[in-house]
Protein backbone atom coordinates (compact mmCIF):
# COMPACT_ATOMS: atom_id res chain seq x y z
CA UNK A 1 -3.13 23.01 -3.92
CA UNK A 2 -6.51 22.03 -2.76
CA UNK A 3 -7.55 21.34 -6.34
CA UNK A 4 -4.44 19.60 -7.09
CA UNK A 5 -5.12 17.42 -3.74
CA UNK A 6 -8.89 16.67 -4.85
CA UNK A 7 -7.99 15.89 -8.77
CA UNK A 8 -5.03 13.95 -7.33
CA UNK A 9 -7.32 11.82 -4.85
CA UNK A 10 -9.44 11.10 -7.65
CA UNK A 11 -6.83 9.85 -9.88
CA UNK A 12 -5.21 7.97 -6.88
CA UNK A 13 -8.55 6.33 -5.97
CA UNK A 14 -9.02 5.55 -9.69
CA UNK A 15 -5.52 3.93 -9.79
CA UNK A 16 -6.10 2.07 -6.68
CA UNK A 17 -9.72 0.58 -7.95
CA UNK A 18 -8.27 -0.24 -11.21
CA UNK A 19 -5.49 -1.71 -9.64
CA UNK A 20 -7.84 -3.89 -7.52
CA UNK A 21 -10.04 -4.92 -10.55
CA UNK A 22 -6.83 -5.70 -12.69
CA UNK A 23 -5.41 -7.89 -9.85
CA UNK A 24 -8.44 -9.48 -9.31
CA UNK A 25 -9.69 -10.37 -12.89
CA UNK A 26 -6.03 -10.72 -14.52
CA UNK A 27 -4.97 -13.14 -11.86
CA UNK A 28 -7.20 -15.97 -13.37
CA UNK A 29 -5.83 -15.21 -16.78
CA UNK A 30 -2.52 -15.34 -15.73
CA UNK A 31 -3.20 -18.55 -13.70
CA UNK A 32 -4.71 -20.01 -17.02
CA UNK A 33 -1.91 -19.11 -18.99
CA UNK A 34 1.01 -20.39 -16.71
CA UNK A 35 -0.44 -22.97 -14.30
CA UNK A 36 -0.73 -22.89 -10.48
CA UNK A 37 2.71 -24.36 -10.40
CA UNK A 38 4.91 -21.67 -12.09
CA UNK A 39 2.24 -18.97 -10.62
CA UNK A 40 3.28 -20.12 -7.27
CA UNK A 41 7.07 -19.83 -8.19
CA UNK A 42 6.41 -16.57 -9.71
CA UNK A 43 4.96 -15.23 -6.35
CA UNK A 44 7.58 -16.72 -4.23
CA UNK A 45 10.12 -15.05 -6.16
CA UNK A 46 8.27 -12.01 -5.76
CA UNK A 47 8.18 -12.38 -1.96
CA UNK A 48 11.91 -12.92 -1.80
CA UNK A 49 13.00 -9.79 -3.88
CA UNK A 50 10.38 -7.61 -1.78
CA UNK A 51 12.68 -8.39 1.20
CA UNK A 52 15.43 -6.26 -0.72
CA UNK A 53 13.10 -3.32 -0.09
CA UNK A 54 14.38 -3.50 3.56
CA UNK A 55 17.10 -1.43 2.38
CA UNK A 56 15.08 1.40 1.61
CA UNK A 57 15.21 4.42 4.07
CA UNK A 58 11.93 6.11 2.96
CA UNK A 59 13.76 8.80 0.93
CA UNK A 60 10.55 9.49 -0.95
CA UNK A 61 8.71 10.49 2.23
CA UNK A 62 11.85 12.31 3.61
CA UNK A 63 11.59 14.64 0.45
CA UNK A 64 7.97 14.80 0.29
CA UNK A 65 8.18 16.29 4.14
CA UNK A 66 11.41 18.36 3.63
CA UNK A 67 10.26 19.85 0.26
CA UNK A 68 6.66 21.01 1.99
CA UNK A 69 8.60 22.49 4.95
CA UNK A 70 10.93 24.54 2.81
CA UNK A 71 8.40 25.67 0.34
CA UNK A 72 6.59 27.66 3.47
CA UNK A 73 9.94 29.30 4.43
CA UNK A 74 10.45 32.86 3.45
CA UNK A 75 14.30 33.26 4.31
CA UNK A 76 16.78 34.17 1.73
CA UNK A 77 18.70 30.67 2.14
CA UNK A 78 15.55 28.60 1.34
CA UNK A 79 16.45 28.20 -2.56
CA UNK A 80 20.16 27.13 -1.57
CA UNK A 81 18.80 24.76 1.08
CA UNK A 82 16.22 23.14 -1.48
CA UNK A 83 19.46 22.56 -4.00
CA UNK A 84 21.29 20.99 -1.26
CA UNK A 85 18.50 18.88 -0.19
CA UNK A 86 18.12 17.52 -3.79
CA UNK A 87 21.69 16.91 -4.21
CA UNK A 88 21.85 14.64 -0.97
CA UNK A 89 18.35 12.91 -1.73
CA UNK A 90 19.46 11.82 -5.35
CA UNK A 91 23.07 10.78 -4.00
CA UNK A 92 21.31 8.77 -1.14
CA UNK A 93 19.00 7.09 -3.68
CA UNK A 94 21.62 6.05 -5.93
CA UNK A 95 23.51 4.36 -3.07
CA UNK A 96 20.48 2.50 -2.05
CA UNK A 97 19.98 1.22 -5.29
CA UNK A 98 23.75 0.01 -5.51
CA UNK A 99 23.40 -1.79 -2.19
CA UNK A 100 20.01 -3.39 -3.37
CA UNK A 101 21.86 -5.04 -6.22
CA UNK A 102 24.99 -6.02 -3.89
CA UNK A 103 22.36 -7.52 -1.54
CA UNK A 104 20.57 -9.21 -4.21
CA UNK A 105 23.88 -10.69 -5.53
CA UNK A 106 24.64 -12.36 -1.97
CA UNK A 107 20.97 -13.42 -1.54
CA UNK A 108 21.18 -15.23 -5.24
CA UNK A 109 23.74 -17.70 -3.73
CA UNK A 110 21.53 -19.08 -1.01
CA UNK A 111 18.36 -19.82 -3.78
CA UNK A 112 19.42 -23.44 -4.12
CA UNK A 113 19.63 -24.17 -0.69
CA UNK A 114 16.49 -22.21 0.25
CA UNK A 115 14.11 -24.21 -2.25
CA UNK A 116 15.72 -27.44 -2.71
CA UNK A 117 13.28 -28.97 -0.43
CA UNK A 118 10.30 -27.52 -1.94
CA UNK A 119 11.25 -27.07 -5.93
CA UNK A 120 12.71 -29.40 -8.48
CA UNK A 121 15.90 -28.34 -10.62
CA UNK A 122 13.58 -26.68 -13.37
CA UNK A 123 11.66 -24.72 -10.94
CA UNK A 124 14.64 -23.43 -9.15
CA UNK A 125 16.28 -22.20 -12.43
CA UNK A 126 12.92 -20.41 -13.23
CA UNK A 127 13.31 -18.79 -9.70
CA UNK A 128 17.06 -17.62 -10.56
CA UNK A 129 15.77 -16.13 -13.97
CA UNK A 130 12.90 -14.20 -12.57
CA UNK A 131 14.85 -12.95 -9.45
CA UNK A 132 17.38 -11.58 -11.53
CA UNK A 133 14.95 -9.46 -13.40
CA UNK A 134 13.16 -8.58 -10.11
CA UNK A 135 16.35 -7.33 -8.35
CA UNK A 136 16.85 -4.84 -10.99
CA UNK A 137 13.34 -3.61 -10.85
CA UNK A 138 13.49 -3.22 -7.17
CA UNK A 139 16.69 -1.14 -7.40
CA UNK A 140 15.25 1.14 -9.99
CA UNK A 141 12.07 1.40 -8.14
CA UNK A 142 13.68 2.63 -4.91
CA UNK A 143 16.00 5.08 -6.91
CA UNK A 144 12.53 6.38 -8.52
CA UNK A 145 11.13 7.00 -4.87
CA UNK A 146 13.23 10.06 -4.78
CA UNK A 147 11.98 11.84 -7.54
CA UNK A 148 8.35 10.71 -6.49
CA UNK A 149 8.72 12.24 -3.20
CA UNK A 150 9.88 15.77 -4.71
CA UNK A 151 6.70 15.80 -6.82
CA UNK A 152 4.71 14.94 -3.94
CA UNK A 153 6.40 17.76 -1.82
CA UNK A 154 5.44 20.31 -4.44
CA UNK A 155 1.84 18.66 -4.40
CA UNK A 156 1.62 17.85 -7.87
CA UNK A 157 -0.72 14.95 -7.35
CA UNK A 158 -2.47 15.15 -10.55
CA UNK A 159 0.79 14.48 -12.66
CA UNK A 160 2.00 11.44 -10.22
CA UNK A 161 -1.36 9.86 -10.03
CA UNK A 162 -2.25 10.21 -13.53
CA UNK A 163 1.09 8.27 -14.12
CA UNK A 164 -0.25 5.27 -11.83
CA UNK A 165 -3.18 4.96 -13.77
CA UNK A 166 -1.41 4.89 -17.20
CA UNK A 167 0.99 2.62 -15.73
CA UNK A 168 -1.81 -0.06 -14.77
CA UNK A 169 -3.49 0.24 -18.13
CA UNK A 170 0.05 -0.28 -20.01
CA UNK A 171 0.91 -3.24 -17.74
CA UNK A 172 -2.37 -5.01 -18.56
CA UNK A 173 -1.94 -4.45 -22.09
CA UNK A 174 1.81 -5.83 -22.12
CA UNK A 175 1.09 -8.72 -19.64
CA UNK A 176 -1.98 -10.06 -21.89
CA UNK A 177 -0.07 -9.62 -25.23
CA UNK A 178 3.19 -11.31 -24.04
CA UNK A 179 1.23 -14.21 -22.18
CA UNK A 180 -0.70 -14.99 -25.19
CA UNK A 181 2.65 -15.02 -27.23
CA UNK A 182 3.86 -17.69 -24.80
CA UNK A 183 6.33 -16.02 -22.81
CA UNK A 184 5.12 -17.21 -19.42
CA UNK A 185 6.16 -15.98 -16.08
CA UNK A 186 9.26 -14.11 -17.49
CA UNK A 187 7.03 -11.45 -19.46
CA UNK A 188 5.48 -10.44 -16.07
CA UNK A 189 8.91 -9.43 -14.53
CA UNK A 190 10.07 -8.01 -17.72
CA UNK A 191 7.06 -5.86 -18.20
CA UNK A 192 7.41 -4.25 -14.46
CA UNK A 193 10.87 -3.66 -15.24
CA UNK A 194 10.35 -2.03 -18.71
CA UNK A 195 7.54 0.18 -17.24
CA UNK A 196 9.62 1.36 -14.11
CA UNK A 197 12.63 2.42 -16.45
CA UNK A 198 9.76 4.38 -18.32
CA UNK A 199 8.26 5.90 -15.37
CA UNK A 200 11.78 7.01 -13.88
CA UNK A 201 12.68 8.80 -17.18
CA UNK A 202 9.13 10.56 -17.00
CA UNK A 203 9.90 11.63 -13.46
CA UNK A 204 13.26 12.77 -13.89
CA UNK A 205 12.21 14.84 -16.92
CA UNK A 206 9.28 16.14 -14.97
CA UNK A 207 11.19 17.39 -11.87
CA UNK A 208 13.94 19.13 -13.67
CA UNK A 209 11.92 20.51 -16.85
CA UNK A 210 8.43 21.20 -15.26
CA UNK A 211 9.38 21.65 -11.66
CA UNK A 212 12.72 23.44 -12.39
CA UNK A 213 14.58 21.95 -9.77
CA UNK A 214 18.17 22.56 -9.48
CA UNK A 215 20.55 19.89 -7.61
CA UNK A 216 23.83 21.53 -6.19
CA UNK A 217 25.69 20.13 -3.31
CA UNK A 218 26.80 23.59 -1.05
CA UNK A 219 27.57 21.97 2.27
CA UNK A 220 27.11 19.15 4.26
CA UNK A 221 23.99 20.20 6.74
CA UNK A 222 25.15 18.06 9.89
CA UNK A 223 21.56 19.00 11.70
CA UNK A 224 19.61 17.88 8.54
CA UNK A 225 22.03 14.87 8.34
CA UNK A 226 21.48 13.66 11.67
CA UNK A 227 17.50 14.30 11.20
CA UNK A 228 17.48 12.33 8.08
CA UNK A 229 19.68 9.47 9.50
CA UNK A 230 17.38 8.98 12.64
CA UNK A 231 14.25 9.09 10.20
CA UNK A 232 15.76 6.88 7.71
CA UNK A 233 16.49 4.18 10.35
CA UNK A 234 13.00 4.26 11.80
CA UNK A 235 11.70 4.08 8.17
CA UNK A 236 14.05 0.84 7.34
CA UNK A 237 12.61 -0.74 10.33
CA UNK A 238 9.15 0.24 9.38
CA UNK A 239 9.76 -1.17 5.82
CA UNK A 240 10.75 -4.34 7.68
CA UNK A 241 7.55 -4.61 9.29
CA UNK A 242 5.62 -4.02 5.97
CA UNK A 243 7.70 -6.72 4.34
CA UNK A 244 6.80 -9.05 7.08
CA UNK A 245 3.24 -8.38 6.97
CA UNK A 246 2.82 -8.53 3.07
CA UNK A 247 5.62 -10.60 1.57
CA UNK A 248 7.21 -12.69 4.22
CA UNK A 249 4.50 -14.90 4.65
CA UNK A 250 5.03 -15.92 1.06
CA UNK A 251 8.90 -16.48 1.71
CA UNK A 252 8.06 -18.90 4.75
CA UNK A 253 5.15 -21.03 2.96
CA UNK A 254 7.59 -21.24 -0.18
CA UNK A 255 10.30 -22.86 1.88
CA UNK A 256 7.99 -25.04 4.07
CA UNK A 257 5.03 -25.97 1.91
CA UNK A 258 4.42 -27.02 -1.96
CA UNK A 259 3.91 -24.17 -4.46
CA UNK A 260 0.18 -25.27 -4.95
CA UNK A 261 -0.57 -24.05 -1.18
CA UNK A 262 1.49 -20.90 -1.93
CA UNK A 263 -0.86 -20.25 -4.89
CA UNK A 264 -3.99 -20.38 -2.40
CA UNK A 265 -2.35 -18.24 0.29
CA UNK A 266 -1.28 -15.85 -2.62
CA UNK A 267 -4.88 -15.34 -3.97
CA UNK A 268 -5.78 -14.08 -0.37
CA UNK A 269 -2.61 -11.82 -0.17
CA UNK A 270 -3.75 -10.52 -3.59
CA UNK A 271 -7.21 -9.38 -2.06
CA UNK A 272 -5.61 -8.32 0.86
CA UNK A 273 -2.94 -6.07 -0.65
CA UNK A 274 -5.33 -4.68 -2.98
CA UNK A 275 -7.50 -3.72 0.03
CA UNK A 276 -4.51 -2.26 1.95
CA UNK A 277 -3.45 -0.28 -1.21
CA UNK A 278 -6.98 1.54 -1.29
CA UNK A 279 -6.33 2.66 2.24
CA UNK A 280 -2.95 4.10 1.46
CA UNK A 281 -3.99 6.12 -1.45
CA UNK A 282 -4.63 8.90 0.60
CA UNK A 283 -1.85 8.85 2.66
CA UNK A 284 0.64 10.27 0.76
CA UNK A 285 -1.58 12.97 -0.27
CA UNK A 286 -2.15 14.58 3.54
CA UNK A 287 1.64 14.13 4.13
CA UNK A 288 2.81 17.65 2.71
CA UNK A 289 -0.40 19.35 4.76
CA UNK A 290 0.81 17.70 7.64
CA UNK A 291 4.52 18.65 7.39
CA UNK A 292 3.35 22.45 6.89
CA UNK A 293 1.24 22.19 9.89
CA UNK A 294 4.21 21.13 11.82
CA UNK A 295 6.29 23.89 10.24
CA UNK A 296 3.79 26.53 11.44
CA UNK A 297 3.58 25.02 14.77
CA UNK A 298 0.14 24.03 14.86
CA UNK A 299 -1.77 23.22 18.39
CA UNK A 300 -2.39 19.63 19.62
CA UNK A 301 -6.43 20.32 18.85
CA UNK A 302 -5.55 21.43 15.55
CA UNK A 303 -3.50 18.18 14.69
CA UNK A 304 -5.92 15.94 16.54
CA UNK A 305 -8.80 17.33 14.19
CA UNK A 306 -6.43 16.74 11.21
CA UNK A 307 -6.05 13.25 12.16
CA UNK A 308 -9.67 12.57 12.95
CA UNK A 309 -10.26 14.14 9.35
CA UNK A 310 -8.08 11.88 7.38
CA UNK A 311 -8.89 8.90 9.73
CA UNK A 312 -12.95 9.22 8.90
CA UNK A 313 -12.02 9.43 5.15
CA UNK A 314 -9.82 6.29 5.35
CA UNK A 315 -12.70 4.52 7.42
CA UNK A 316 -15.69 5.50 5.05
CA UNK A 317 -13.65 3.85 2.01
CA UNK A 318 -12.18 0.85 3.93
CA UNK A 319 -15.68 0.02 5.65
CA UNK A 320 -17.31 -0.08 2.16
CA UNK A 321 -14.78 -2.24 0.90
CA UNK A 322 -14.59 -4.84 3.80
CA UNK A 323 -18.37 -4.83 4.33
CA UNK A 324 -18.72 -5.67 0.60
CA UNK A 325 -16.26 -8.47 0.68
CA UNK A 326 -18.11 -9.95 4.09
CA UNK A 327 -21.48 -9.81 1.84
CA UNK A 328 -20.14 -11.12 -1.32
CA UNK A 329 -16.70 -12.52 -0.71
CA UNK A 330 -17.48 -16.34 -1.04
CA UNK A 331 -19.25 -16.04 -3.87
CA UNK A 332 -16.99 -13.86 -5.80
CA UNK A 333 -14.14 -16.07 -5.22
CA UNK A 334 -15.89 -18.80 -6.61
CA UNK A 335 -16.64 -16.46 -9.87
CA UNK A 336 -13.02 -15.38 -9.63
CA UNK A 337 -10.86 -18.57 -9.38
CA UNK A 338 -13.60 -21.49 -9.31
CA UNK A 339 -14.54 -23.74 -6.38
CA UNK A 340 -12.09 -25.53 -4.30
CA UNK A 341 -10.33 -22.44 -2.99
CA UNK A 342 -12.98 -21.44 -0.16
CA UNK A 343 -9.83 -20.86 2.31
CA UNK A 344 -9.10 -18.01 0.05
CA UNK A 345 -11.88 -15.96 1.62
CA UNK A 346 -11.29 -16.48 5.34
CA UNK A 347 -7.52 -15.81 4.94
CA UNK A 348 -8.34 -12.70 3.31
CA UNK A 349 -10.82 -11.62 6.15
CA UNK A 350 -8.20 -12.67 8.78
CA UNK A 351 -5.71 -10.28 7.43
CA UNK A 352 -8.16 -7.43 6.30
CA UNK A 353 -9.95 -6.66 9.58
CA UNK A 354 -7.34 -5.62 11.65
CA UNK A 355 -5.51 -3.83 8.90
CA UNK A 356 -8.53 -1.53 8.23
CA UNK A 357 -8.57 -0.39 11.82
CA UNK A 358 -4.58 0.31 11.40
CA UNK A 359 -4.86 2.10 8.48
CA UNK A 360 -7.46 4.73 9.80
CA UNK A 361 -4.06 6.04 11.66
CA UNK A 362 -2.51 7.19 8.74
CA UNK A 363 -3.40 10.84 9.46
CA UNK A 364 -1.43 10.39 12.95
CA UNK A 365 1.56 8.74 10.90
CA UNK A 366 1.57 11.87 8.71
CA UNK A 367 2.13 14.02 11.96
CA UNK A 368 4.77 11.62 13.03
CA UNK A 369 6.86 12.34 9.40
CA UNK A 370 5.79 16.11 9.80
CA UNK A 371 7.98 15.97 13.06
CA UNK A 372 10.49 13.49 11.49
CA UNK A 373 9.65 11.42 14.77
CA UNK A 374 9.36 7.66 13.46
CA UNK A 375 11.74 6.09 15.72
CA UNK A 376 9.05 5.30 18.53
CA UNK A 377 6.71 3.85 16.04
CA UNK A 378 9.10 1.74 14.14
CA UNK A 379 10.67 0.13 17.38
CA UNK A 380 7.18 -0.86 18.54
CA UNK A 381 6.48 -2.43 15.15
CA UNK A 382 9.89 -4.01 14.93
CA UNK A 383 9.17 -6.16 18.03
CA UNK A 384 5.86 -7.00 16.88
CA UNK A 385 7.13 -8.31 13.53
CA UNK A 386 9.63 -10.26 15.18
CA UNK A 387 6.44 -11.98 17.22
CA UNK A 388 4.94 -12.45 14.08
CA UNK A 389 7.74 -14.45 12.30
CA UNK A 390 8.46 -16.65 15.13
CA UNK A 391 4.95 -17.34 15.56
CA UNK A 392 4.12 -17.95 11.62
CA UNK A 393 7.24 -20.30 11.46
CA UNK A 394 6.08 -22.36 14.38
CA UNK A 395 2.34 -22.44 13.30
CA UNK A 396 2.93 -23.35 9.76
CA UNK A 397 4.18 -26.75 10.84
CA UNK A 398 0.88 -27.51 12.76
CA UNK A 399 -1.81 -25.79 10.83
CA UNK A 400 -0.39 -24.63 7.44
CA UNK A 401 -0.94 -21.30 5.81
CA UNK A 402 -3.38 -20.64 8.86
CA UNK A 403 -0.51 -19.83 10.97
CA UNK A 404 1.04 -17.10 8.92
CA UNK A 405 -2.41 -15.50 8.58
CA UNK A 406 -3.05 -15.42 12.35
CA UNK A 407 0.49 -14.54 12.82
CA UNK A 408 0.26 -11.10 10.81
CA UNK A 409 -3.24 -10.36 12.06
CA UNK A 410 -2.09 -10.81 15.67
CA UNK A 411 1.08 -8.53 15.05
CA UNK A 412 -1.13 -5.61 13.38
CA UNK A 413 -3.62 -5.81 16.24
CA UNK A 414 -0.70 -5.75 18.88
CA UNK A 415 1.75 -3.42 17.16
CA UNK A 416 -0.28 -0.90 14.73
CA UNK A 417 -3.65 -0.46 16.92
CA UNK A 418 -3.24 -1.13 20.63
CA UNK A 419 0.44 0.06 21.38
CA UNK A 420 0.61 2.47 18.62
CA UNK A 421 -2.59 4.25 19.94
CA UNK A 422 -1.06 4.68 23.35
CA UNK A 423 2.16 5.73 21.77
CA UNK A 424 0.44 8.51 19.91
CA UNK A 425 -1.15 9.63 23.19
CA UNK A 426 2.07 9.87 25.07
CA UNK A 427 3.79 11.65 22.25
CA UNK A 428 1.04 14.25 21.02
CA UNK A 429 -1.38 14.01 23.64
CA UNK A 430 -3.85 12.45 21.21
CA UNK A 431 -7.13 11.01 22.95
CA UNK A 432 -7.21 7.35 21.95
CA UNK A 433 -10.80 6.78 22.89
CA UNK A 434 -12.04 9.97 21.53
CA UNK A 435 -10.05 9.52 18.22
CA UNK A 436 -11.62 5.88 17.54
CA UNK A 437 -15.18 7.27 18.83
CA UNK A 438 -14.84 10.14 16.26
CA UNK A 439 -13.76 8.05 13.33
CA UNK A 440 -16.34 5.48 13.76
CA UNK A 441 -19.42 7.72 14.58
CA UNK A 442 -22.19 6.84 12.27
CA UNK A 443 -19.89 4.91 10.06
CA UNK A 444 -19.76 1.49 11.91
CA UNK A 445 -23.37 1.20 12.53
CA UNK A 446 -24.05 2.01 8.62
CA UNK A 447 -21.46 -0.73 7.91
CA UNK A 448 -23.39 -3.30 9.90
CA UNK A 449 -26.77 -2.37 8.85
CA UNK A 450 -25.58 -2.56 5.20
CA UNK A 451 -24.02 -6.25 5.79
CA UNK A 452 -27.31 -7.40 7.37
CA UNK A 453 -29.38 -6.10 4.93
CA UNK A 454 -27.62 -8.18 2.26
CA UNK A 455 -26.96 -11.45 3.73
CA UNK A 456 -30.53 -12.83 3.57
CA UNK A 457 -30.25 -12.74 -0.43
CA UNK A 458 -27.48 -15.28 0.16
CA UNK A 459 -30.11 -18.10 0.52
CA UNK A 460 -31.28 -17.37 -2.94
CA UNK A 461 -30.76 -20.40 -5.37
CA UNK A 462 -29.08 -18.94 -8.20
CA UNK A 463 -25.64 -18.85 -9.64
CA UNK A 464 -22.63 -17.14 -7.52
CA UNK A 465 -22.25 -14.40 -10.42
CA UNK A 466 -25.79 -13.27 -9.63
CA UNK A 467 -25.39 -13.28 -6.09
CA UNK A 468 -22.43 -11.28 -6.18
CA UNK A 469 -24.27 -8.64 -8.23
CA UNK A 470 -27.48 -8.70 -6.16
CA UNK A 471 -26.17 -8.92 -2.79
CA UNK A 472 -23.30 -6.26 -3.86
CA UNK A 473 -26.01 -3.70 -4.93
CA UNK A 474 -27.97 -4.23 -1.97
CA UNK A 475 -25.01 -3.53 0.38
CA UNK A 476 -23.79 -0.48 -1.45
CA UNK A 477 -27.44 1.05 -1.72
CA UNK A 478 -28.08 0.47 2.20
CA UNK A 479 -24.33 1.71 3.05
CA UNK A 480 -24.78 4.55 0.89
CA UNK A 481 -28.05 5.62 2.19
CA UNK A 482 -27.24 5.29 5.85
CA UNK A 483 -23.86 7.31 5.33
CA UNK A 484 -26.01 10.10 3.62
CA UNK A 485 -28.80 10.05 6.40
CA UNK A 486 -26.76 9.72 9.72
CA UNK A 487 -23.28 8.34 8.79
CA UNK A 488 -21.69 11.21 7.37
CA UNK A 489 -20.64 14.43 9.50
CA UNK A 490 -21.73 17.71 8.20
CA UNK A 491 -18.54 18.26 6.19
CA UNK A 492 -18.67 15.25 4.77
CA UNK A 493 -21.91 15.61 3.70
CA UNK A 494 -21.21 18.99 2.11
CA UNK A 495 -18.06 16.98 0.01
CA UNK A 496 -20.72 14.09 -0.83
CA UNK A 497 -23.39 16.76 -1.76
CA UNK A 498 -20.73 18.53 -3.97
CA UNK A 499 -19.46 15.57 -5.73
CA UNK A 500 -23.11 14.41 -6.69
CA UNK A 501 -23.82 17.94 -8.16
CA UNK A 502 -20.58 17.56 -9.99
CA UNK A 503 -21.77 14.13 -11.46
CA UNK A 504 -25.17 15.66 -12.38
CA UNK A 505 -23.52 18.50 -14.00
CA UNK A 506 -21.54 16.24 -16.19
CA UNK A 507 -24.65 14.11 -16.95
CA UNK A 508 -26.73 17.08 -17.95
CA UNK A 509 -23.95 17.95 -20.63
CA UNK A 510 -24.03 14.44 -22.25
């Protein structure tokens, strides 16, 4: 299992890094092929259909947790209960997909009204065409989630994360080929739908043929059903919060400002979502471990050590990404999409900084999932999301897209950092100050020194491209040296040392 997690982590980070590079470098190509206006329409539709994910009840997370808990049981009813769980999970996933399609059909009727003030008739017609394909994609994606959860529950991270890498590579090839053939934004949505169908088939075959799962409804487990219902409602509420933070900004802007301005904000969101996805790369890998610890009745001290360990891994990764962006972000954006879009840098920073600290709590979230106790967290986040919506709508009228950025950042700070930290203290007895001191020890100082050392190179009178290269190398070198010298703790130094030895051995073989 540890090897699966290690190799899975490598593939997961590889997929996330690859996704970041693809999002960054493919975006200018897409903009060049379809133009700012059509790209703004495409991102608006993405944001709109993204709201349908609210119907998700987190069936993948539920299956991952329950399978991991069942796998450590030794009683005679273990296999029967797993068969029953699979039957319930797949049935529920099918119902969710049907609800997505029904909700999508209802929302389709309001497209003309929603965008009549900001789009012409041709743009609205394009919205409808893209919308139909994306609704089908969301429905199938949510149905696939149940099989992904089963695979993660068995901790087959190598397979699942390899598929992520493969999907990203295929998506790039297909999008480039189709856009060059002149299919426009329609090719983007058709590509995503085709890949979702292909991956769903692969996951179904893997679950039944390789894992050998059996699906049979034996009885209605009322206790399990109540647990699932409570957890599902909590996940649905949390999904709403995630959609508000990542997609609703685009919906609000699409209804209140011109598509060109949506494009600017969408570029900042591309950076923010890529950054955010890097932190979530580890989250799913540790959910089964947290579930096992809960099933085996681990102590509060053991759980707290687990949360700090995961939090430090997250912070190590997030710090180098955020610090690198602080150092080279402005120059990079000029190289990426050209001059005239300087606001993208500051919009992205407003969104990224609070989310970095919020994501370090993913270990605590995994423990919550292990206990199937998400409701308190979801209630906290739902109120802060409502504040975000109200603030964003009001402020867009005054300061444009800056209003949505500050609304999202403020809700993350209030809900996901401040209030949730004290919620974990109350529920599990975690020491909030001790936790943040534990994850930041050595890392924050390393981050600050690396940023300071890279900033003077910004005064060199050379092109933005070379500034990105030079400042980036200086930042990474200083950060790496500081982490190795005093930033990492003993266990982390061992991991880094082993990784360097492995790289050296592979280099020697070549």
